[in-house]
Amino acid sequence: MKLAEALAQRAAAVRRVEQLRARVVGSARYQEGEELLSALPVAELRAQADLLAKEIREVDTLIQRTNWEIDLIED
């Protein structure tokens, strides 16, 4: 995987995390006693968030490996 592809993949995953977060926050509602309730399937959303976090970590690892392997200054 090229560095540009990895960066694009990471950016896409981060956007999906932000969309997921906005969906969760937007669907939450307060009822009596300040109890926060969600109209969304929490287990499903948590699983999606976990997969996205794993994808971001894996892509970050690829990016870091590429950064360590490339010499920017030639002798």
C-alpha atoms as a PDB file:
ATOM      1  CA  MET A   1       0.000   0.000   0.000  1.00  0.00           C
ATOM      2  CA  LYS A   2       1.333   3.415  -0.938  1.00  0.00           C
ATOM      3  CA  LEU A   3       1.525   6.169   1.644  1.00  0.00           C
ATOM      4  CA  ALA A   4      -1.085   8.286  -0.146  1.00  0.00           C
ATOM      5  CA  GLU A   5      -3.506   5.344  -0.162  1.00  0.00           C
ATOM      6  CA  ALA A   6      -2.944   4.741   3.546  1.00  0.00           C
ATOM      7  CA  LEU A   7      -3.540   8.392   4.364  1.00  0.00           C
ATOM      8  CA  ALA A   8      -6.739   8.408   2.303  1.00  0.00           C
ATOM      9  CA  GLN A   9      -7.938   5.209   3.990  1.00  0.00           C
ATOM     10  CA  ARG A  10      -7.228   6.679   7.423  1.00  0.00           C
ATOM     11  CA  ALA A  11      -9.057   9.913   6.578  1.00  0.00           C
ATOM     12  CA  ALA A  12     -12.079   7.930   5.392  1.00  0.00           C
ATOM     13  CA  ALA A  13     -12.134   5.878   8.611  1.00  0.00           C
ATOM     14  CA  VAL A  14     -11.874   9.023  10.737  1.00  0.00           C
ATOM     15  CA  ARG A  15     -14.800  10.545   8.803  1.00  0.00           C
ATOM     16  CA  ARG A  16     -16.859   7.409   9.455  1.00  0.00           C
ATOM     17  CA  VAL A  17     -16.052   7.667  13.189  1.00  0.00           C
ATOM     18  CA  GLU A  18     -17.180  11.299  13.188  1.00  0.00           C
ATOM     19  CA  GLN A  19     -20.403  10.366  11.378  1.00  0.00           C
ATOM     20  CA  LEU A  20     -21.034   7.563  13.865  1.00  0.00           C
ATOM     21  CA  ARG A  21     -20.421   9.915  16.793  1.00  0.00           C
ATOM     22  CA  ALA A  22     -22.781  12.524  15.334  1.00  0.00           C
ATOM     23  CA  ARG A  23     -25.440   9.851  14.813  1.00  0.00           C
ATOM     24  CA  VAL A  24     -25.188   8.684  18.425  1.00  0.00           C
ATOM     25  CA  VAL A  25     -25.232  12.191  19.874  1.00  0.00           C
ATOM     26  CA  GLY A  26     -28.052  13.290  17.584  1.00  0.00           C
ATOM     27  CA  SER A  27     -30.269  10.389  18.559  1.00  0.00           C
ATOM     28  CA  ALA A  28     -29.767  10.662  22.310  1.00  0.00           C
ATOM     29  CA  ARG A  29     -32.563  12.309  24.200  1.00  0.00           C
ATOM     30  CA  TYR A  30     -33.133  13.319  27.790  1.00  0.00           C
ATOM     31  CA  GLN A  31     -36.159  12.270  29.766  1.00  0.00           C
ATOM     32  CA  GLU A  32     -37.261  12.804  33.355  1.00  0.00           C
ATOM     33  CA  GLY A  33     -34.496  12.639  35.929  1.00  0.00           C
ATOM     34  CA  GLU A  34     -31.777  13.612  33.436  1.00  0.00           C
ATOM     35  CA  GLU A  35     -31.451  10.002  32.300  1.00  0.00           C
ATOM     36  CA  LEU A  36     -29.846   9.689  28.869  1.00  0.00           C
ATOM     37  CA  LEU A  37     -31.595   7.227  26.571  1.00  0.00           C
ATOM     38  CA  SER A  38     -30.577   6.169  23.076  1.00  0.00           C
ATOM     39  CA  ALA A  39     -32.909   5.166  20.272  1.00  0.00           C
ATOM     40  CA  LEU A  40     -30.077   3.339  18.512  1.00  0.00           C
ATOM     41  CA  PRO A  41     -28.800  -0.229  18.922  1.00  0.00           C
ATOM     42  CA  VAL A  42     -25.876   0.398  21.277  1.00  0.00           C
ATOM     43  CA  ALA A  43     -24.191  -3.001  20.821  1.00  0.00           C
ATOM     44  CA  GLU A  44     -24.190  -2.612  17.030  1.00  0.00           C
ATOM     45  CA  LEU A  45     -22.782   0.909  17.212  1.00  0.00           C
ATOM     46  CA  ARG A  46     -20.090  -0.158  19.671  1.00  0.00           C
ATOM     47  CA  ALA A  47     -19.077  -2.991  17.328  1.00  0.00           C
ATOM     48  CA  GLN A  48     -18.852  -0.531  14.414  1.00  0.00           C
ATOM     49  CA  ALA A  49     -16.786   1.879  16.511  1.00  0.00           C
ATOM     50  CA  ASP A  50     -14.445  -0.945  17.563  1.00  0.00           C
ATOM     51  CA  LEU A  51     -13.913  -2.028  13.944  1.00  0.00           C
ATOM     52  CA  LEU A  52     -13.209   1.549  12.858  1.00  0.00           C
ATOM     53  CA  ALA A  53     -10.760   2.059  15.721  1.00  0.00           C
ATOM     54  CA  LYS A  54      -8.956  -1.153  14.742  1.00  0.00           C
ATOM     55  CA  GLU A  55      -8.799  -0.042  11.104  1.00  0.00           C
ATOM     56  CA  ILE A  56      -7.352   3.335  12.104  1.00  0.00           C
ATOM     57  CA  ARG A  57      -4.724   1.674  14.335  1.00  0.00           C
ATOM     58  CA  GLU A  58      -3.700  -0.713  11.540  1.00  0.00           C
ATOM     59  CA  VAL A  59      -3.412   2.067   8.975  1.00  0.00           C
ATOM     60  CA  ASP A  60      -1.466   4.222  11.450  1.00  0.00           C
ATOM     61  CA  THR A  61       0.954   1.314  11.890  1.00  0.00           C
ATOM     62  CA  LEU A  62       1.439   1.093   8.115  1.00  0.00           C
ATOM     63  CA  ILE A  63       2.019   4.835   7.901  1.00  0.00           C
ATOM     64  CA  GLN A  64       4.549   4.763  10.739  1.00  0.00           C
ATOM     65  CA  ARG A  65       6.375   1.803   9.187  1.00  0.00           C
ATOM     66  CA  THR A  66       6.556   3.653   5.880  1.00  0.00           C
ATOM     67  CA  ASN A  67       7.858   6.766   7.634  1.00  0.00           C
ATOM     68  CA  TRP A  68      10.631   4.756   9.296  1.00  0.00           C
ATOM     69  CA  GLU A  69      11.606   2.952   6.084  1.00  0.00           C
ATOM     70  CA  ILE A  70      11.906   6.013   3.844  1.00  0.00           C
ATOM     71  CA  ASP A  71      15.040   8.160   3.914  1.00  0.00           C
ATOM     72  CA  LEU A  72      14.216  11.750   3.071  1.00  0.00           C
ATOM     73  CA  ILE A  73      17.824  12.888   3.031  1.00  0.00           C
ATOM     74  CA  GLU A  74      20.084  11.171   0.540  1.00  0.00           C
ATOM     75  CA  ASP A  75      23.770  10.802   1.315  1.00  0.00           C
END
